[in-house]
Amino acid sequence: MHAKQSIVVISLLALALLLLNGLAQADASNCYAIKNDDSKNHCLAIAKNTKSYCYSIHEQDTKNLCLAQLSNQKSYCYSIRSSDAKNQCLAIVR
């Protein structure tokens, strides 16, 4: 697995954990403990419901996933290169 794909998978797992635990818009303090900057920004974007954190993400697939989630627009999913991540994005975004 490539590093970029790993970041996307880690971000998706982090998001899934947030959503499953009902913390999607809760305390963002745990996000600050994440060492990977892209994953941290994705976590903060979701926890704070703030798109500006998405724009701080360097890895494009993760950035598009973040924007898709916060904008609730599937159009961002179609810009994701990893087919697994794209399909997961399409499944998550309504």
N, C-alpha and C. Protein backbone atom coordinates (compact mmCIF):
# COMPACT_ATOMS: atom_id res chain seq x y z
N MET A 1 0.86 -1.18 0.00
CA MET A 1 0.00 0.00 0.00
C MET A 1 0.89 1.23 0.00
N HIS A 2 0.56 2.18 -0.83
CA HIS A 2 1.33 3.42 -0.93
C HIS A 2 1.06 4.32 0.27
N ALA A 3 1.98 5.23 0.53
CA ALA A 3 1.84 6.14 1.67
C ALA A 3 0.57 6.97 1.57
N LYS A 4 0.25 7.44 0.38
CA LYS A 4 -0.95 8.26 0.20
C LYS A 4 -2.21 7.45 0.50
N GLN A 5 -2.23 6.20 0.04
CA GLN A 5 -3.38 5.35 0.32
C GLN A 5 -3.49 5.07 1.80
N SER A 6 -2.35 4.92 2.47
CA SER A 6 -2.36 4.67 3.91
C SER A 6 -2.96 5.85 4.66
N ILE A 7 -2.62 7.06 4.24
CA ILE A 7 -3.17 8.26 4.89
C ILE A 7 -4.68 8.30 4.71
N VAL A 8 -5.15 7.97 3.51
CA VAL A 8 -6.59 7.98 3.26
C VAL A 8 -7.27 6.94 4.13
N VAL A 9 -6.70 5.74 4.21
CA VAL A 9 -7.28 4.68 5.01
C VAL A 9 -7.30 5.08 6.48
N ILE A 10 -6.21 5.65 6.97
CA ILE A 10 -6.14 6.09 8.36
C ILE A 10 -7.18 7.17 8.63
N SER A 11 -7.30 8.11 7.71
CA SER A 11 -8.29 9.18 7.87
C SER A 11 -9.70 8.62 7.88
N LEU A 12 -9.98 7.67 7.00
CA LEU A 12 -11.31 7.07 6.95
C LEU A 12 -11.61 6.29 8.22
N LEU A 13 -10.60 5.59 8.73
CA LEU A 13 -10.79 4.85 9.98
C LEU A 13 -11.03 5.80 11.14
N ALA A 14 -10.27 6.89 11.18
CA ALA A 14 -10.45 7.88 12.25
C ALA A 14 -11.86 8.47 12.18
N LEU A 15 -12.31 8.77 10.98
CA LEU A 15 -13.65 9.31 10.80
C LEU A 15 -14.70 8.30 11.23
N ALA A 16 -14.52 7.06 10.82
CA ALA A 16 -15.49 6.02 11.19
C ALA A 16 -15.59 5.89 12.70
N LEU A 17 -14.45 5.93 13.37
CA LEU A 17 -14.46 5.86 14.84
C LEU A 17 -15.18 7.05 15.44
N LEU A 18 -14.94 8.23 14.92
CA LEU A 18 -15.63 9.42 15.42
C LEU A 18 -17.14 9.29 15.24
N LEU A 19 -17.55 8.85 14.07
CA LEU A 19 -18.98 8.75 13.79
C LEU A 19 -19.63 7.64 14.61
N LEU A 20 -18.95 6.52 14.73
CA LEU A 20 -19.50 5.41 15.50
C LEU A 20 -19.64 5.75 16.98
N ASN A 21 -18.75 6.56 17.48
CA ASN A 21 -18.81 6.94 18.88
C ASN A 21 -19.65 8.18 19.13
N GLY A 22 -20.26 8.72 18.06
CA GLY A 22 -21.12 9.88 18.22
C GLY A 22 -20.36 11.15 18.56
N LEU A 23 -19.10 11.23 18.16
CA LEU A 23 -18.27 12.38 18.51
C LEU A 23 -18.03 13.32 17.34
N ALA A 24 -18.81 13.20 16.29
CA ALA A 24 -18.52 13.93 15.06
C ALA A 24 -18.42 15.44 15.26
N GLN A 25 -19.20 16.00 16.16
CA GLN A 25 -19.11 17.43 16.39
C GLN A 25 -18.88 17.69 17.88
N ALA A 26 -18.08 16.87 18.48
CA ALA A 26 -17.84 16.99 19.92
C ALA A 26 -16.48 17.63 20.17
N ASP A 27 -15.91 17.34 21.30
CA ASP A 27 -14.63 17.89 21.72
C ASP A 27 -13.52 17.47 20.76
N ALA A 28 -12.78 18.43 20.26
CA ALA A 28 -11.72 18.17 19.28
C ALA A 28 -10.38 17.94 19.95
N SER A 29 -10.32 17.91 21.26
CA SER A 29 -9.03 17.82 21.95
C SER A 29 -8.25 16.56 21.58
N ASN A 30 -8.92 15.47 21.31
CA ASN A 30 -8.22 14.24 20.92
C ASN A 30 -7.54 14.38 19.56
N CYS A 31 -8.08 15.23 18.71
CA CYS A 31 -7.49 15.44 17.38
C CYS A 31 -6.07 15.98 17.51
N TYR A 32 -5.83 16.82 18.51
CA TYR A 32 -4.51 17.43 18.67
C TYR A 32 -3.43 16.41 19.03
N ALA A 33 -3.84 15.23 19.47
CA ALA A 33 -2.87 14.18 19.82
C ALA A 33 -2.42 13.40 18.59
N ILE A 34 -3.07 13.60 17.45
CA ILE A 34 -2.71 12.89 16.22
C ILE A 34 -1.45 13.52 15.64
N LYS A 35 -0.45 12.69 15.38
CA LYS A 35 0.85 13.19 14.93
C LYS A 35 0.87 13.54 13.44
N ASN A 36 0.18 12.77 12.62
CA ASN A 36 0.14 13.04 11.18
C ASN A 36 -0.69 14.29 10.94
N ASP A 37 -0.09 15.31 10.33
CA ASP A 37 -0.76 16.60 10.14
C ASP A 37 -2.04 16.50 9.31
N ASP A 38 -2.01 15.69 8.24
CA ASP A 38 -3.21 15.55 7.41
C ASP A 38 -4.34 14.88 8.20
N SER A 39 -4.02 13.84 8.93
CA SER A 39 -5.03 13.16 9.74
C SER A 39 -5.56 14.07 10.84
N LYS A 40 -4.66 14.85 11.44
CA LYS A 40 -5.06 15.79 12.49
C LYS A 40 -6.02 16.84 11.93
N ASN A 41 -5.68 17.40 10.77
CA ASN A 41 -6.54 18.42 10.16
C ASN A 41 -7.89 17.84 9.74
N HIS A 42 -7.88 16.61 9.26
CA HIS A 42 -9.14 15.96 8.88
C HIS A 42 -10.01 15.77 10.13
N CYS A 43 -9.40 15.30 11.19
CA CYS A 43 -10.11 15.10 12.45
C CYS A 43 -10.70 16.43 12.95
N LEU A 44 -9.89 17.47 12.93
CA LEU A 44 -10.35 18.79 13.40
C LEU A 44 -11.47 19.33 12.53
N ALA A 45 -11.36 19.13 11.23
CA ALA A 45 -12.41 19.61 10.32
C ALA A 45 -13.74 18.96 10.65
N ILE A 46 -13.72 17.65 10.88
CA ILE A 46 -14.94 16.92 11.17
C ILE A 46 -15.46 17.28 12.57
N ALA A 47 -14.56 17.28 13.55
CA ALA A 47 -14.97 17.55 14.93
C ALA A 47 -15.51 18.96 15.12
N LYS A 48 -14.91 19.92 14.40
CA LYS A 48 -15.33 21.32 14.55
C LYS A 48 -16.28 21.77 13.45
N ASN A 49 -16.52 20.87 12.48
CA ASN A 49 -17.37 21.19 11.34
C ASN A 49 -16.90 22.47 10.64
N THR A 50 -15.58 22.50 10.36
CA THR A 50 -14.94 23.69 9.80
C THR A 50 -14.10 23.30 8.58
N LYS A 51 -14.53 23.76 7.41
CA LYS A 51 -13.86 23.41 6.15
C LYS A 51 -12.43 23.91 6.04
N SER A 52 -12.09 24.98 6.74
CA SER A 52 -10.74 25.55 6.61
C SER A 52 -9.66 24.53 6.96
N TYR A 53 -9.97 23.60 7.86
CA TYR A 53 -9.00 22.55 8.18
C TYR A 53 -8.78 21.63 6.99
N CYS A 54 -9.81 21.41 6.18
CA CYS A 54 -9.67 20.57 4.98
C CYS A 54 -8.64 21.16 4.03
N TYR A 55 -8.64 22.48 3.90
CA TYR A 55 -7.71 23.13 2.97
C TYR A 55 -6.26 23.06 3.47
N SER A 56 -6.06 22.71 4.71
CA SER A 56 -4.71 22.54 5.25
C SER A 56 -4.16 21.14 5.00
N ILE A 57 -4.98 20.26 4.47
CA ILE A 57 -4.57 18.88 4.19
C ILE A 57 -3.80 18.87 2.88
N HIS A 58 -2.59 18.29 2.90
CA HIS A 58 -1.74 18.27 1.71
C HIS A 58 -2.10 17.14 0.75
N GLU A 59 -2.45 15.97 1.27
CA GLU A 59 -2.74 14.82 0.44
C GLU A 59 -4.11 15.03 -0.20
N GLN A 60 -4.15 15.04 -1.53
CA GLN A 60 -5.36 15.44 -2.27
C GLN A 60 -6.56 14.54 -2.02
N ASP A 61 -6.37 13.23 -1.95
CA ASP A 61 -7.51 12.35 -1.72
C ASP A 61 -8.15 12.62 -0.37
N THR A 62 -7.32 12.81 0.65
CA THR A 62 -7.84 13.10 1.99
C THR A 62 -8.52 14.46 2.01
N LYS A 63 -7.95 15.42 1.32
CA LYS A 63 -8.56 16.76 1.24
C LYS A 63 -9.94 16.68 0.57
N ASN A 64 -10.04 15.95 -0.54
CA ASN A 64 -11.31 15.81 -1.23
C ASN A 64 -12.34 15.07 -0.39
N LEU A 65 -11.90 14.06 0.34
CA LEU A 65 -12.81 13.35 1.24
C LEU A 65 -13.35 14.30 2.31
N CYS A 66 -12.47 15.07 2.90
CA CYS A 66 -12.83 16.03 3.93
C CYS A 66 -13.85 17.04 3.40
N LEU A 67 -13.56 17.59 2.24
CA LEU A 67 -14.47 18.58 1.63
C LEU A 67 -15.81 17.95 1.27
N ALA A 68 -15.78 16.73 0.80
CA ALA A 68 -17.02 16.03 0.45
C ALA A 68 -17.89 15.86 1.69
N GLN A 69 -17.25 15.47 2.78
CA GLN A 69 -18.00 15.24 4.02
C GLN A 69 -18.60 16.54 4.56
N LEU A 70 -17.80 17.58 4.62
CA LEU A 70 -18.29 18.82 5.22
C LEU A 70 -19.25 19.58 4.30
N SER A 71 -19.07 19.45 2.99
CA SER A 71 -19.96 20.11 2.04
C SER A 71 -21.17 19.26 1.71
N ASN A 72 -21.06 17.97 2.07
CA ASN A 72 -22.09 16.99 1.73
C ASN A 72 -22.34 16.98 0.22
N GLN A 73 -21.21 16.99 -0.53
CA GLN A 73 -21.26 17.00 -1.99
C GLN A 73 -20.42 15.86 -2.55
N LYS A 74 -21.08 14.95 -3.24
CA LYS A 74 -20.39 13.81 -3.82
C LYS A 74 -19.41 14.21 -4.92
N SER A 75 -19.53 15.41 -5.46
CA SER A 75 -18.65 15.81 -6.55
C SER A 75 -17.18 15.75 -6.13
N TYR A 76 -16.90 16.03 -4.86
CA TYR A 76 -15.51 15.92 -4.38
C TYR A 76 -15.04 14.47 -4.40
N CYS A 77 -15.93 13.53 -4.18
CA CYS A 77 -15.56 12.10 -4.18
C CYS A 77 -14.99 11.68 -5.53
N TYR A 78 -15.53 12.23 -6.60
CA TYR A 78 -15.09 11.84 -7.93
C TYR A 78 -13.68 12.32 -8.25
N SER A 79 -13.14 13.22 -7.44
CA SER A 79 -11.76 13.67 -7.63
C SER A 79 -10.75 12.80 -6.87
N ILE A 80 -11.24 11.85 -6.10
CA ILE A 80 -10.37 10.96 -5.34
C ILE A 80 -9.81 9.90 -6.27
N ARG A 81 -8.50 9.73 -6.28
CA ARG A 81 -7.83 8.81 -7.21
C ARG A 81 -7.92 7.36 -6.78
N SER A 82 -7.78 7.09 -5.50
CA SER A 82 -7.85 5.72 -5.00
C SER A 82 -9.28 5.22 -5.15
N SER A 83 -9.47 4.12 -5.89
CA SER A 83 -10.84 3.65 -6.16
C SER A 83 -11.54 3.21 -4.87
N ASP A 84 -10.82 2.57 -3.95
CA ASP A 84 -11.44 2.16 -2.69
C ASP A 84 -11.88 3.38 -1.89
N ALA A 85 -11.02 4.38 -1.79
CA ALA A 85 -11.34 5.59 -1.04
C ALA A 85 -12.49 6.35 -1.72
N LYS A 86 -12.49 6.37 -3.05
CA LYS A 86 -13.57 7.03 -3.79
C LYS A 86 -14.91 6.36 -3.49
N ASN A 87 -14.93 5.03 -3.54
CA ASN A 87 -16.17 4.30 -3.28
C ASN A 87 -16.62 4.47 -1.83
N GLN A 88 -15.68 4.52 -0.91
CA GLN A 88 -16.03 4.74 0.49
C GLN A 88 -16.60 6.14 0.67
N CYS A 89 -16.01 7.11 0.01
CA CYS A 89 -16.51 8.49 0.06
C CYS A 89 -17.94 8.54 -0.48
N LEU A 90 -18.16 7.91 -1.60
CA LEU A 90 -19.50 7.90 -2.21
C LEU A 90 -20.53 7.24 -1.30
N ALA A 91 -20.08 6.25 -0.53
CA ALA A 91 -20.98 5.57 0.40
C ALA A 91 -21.28 6.45 1.63
N ILE A 92 -20.31 7.24 2.05
CA ILE A 92 -20.46 8.06 3.26
C ILE A 92 -21.25 9.33 2.99
N VAL A 93 -20.96 9.99 1.88
CA VAL A 93 -21.58 11.28 1.56
C VAL A 93 -22.95 11.03 0.96
N ARG A 94 -23.93 11.75 1.45
CA ARG A 94 -25.31 11.54 0.98
C ARG A 94 -25.62 12.35 -0.24
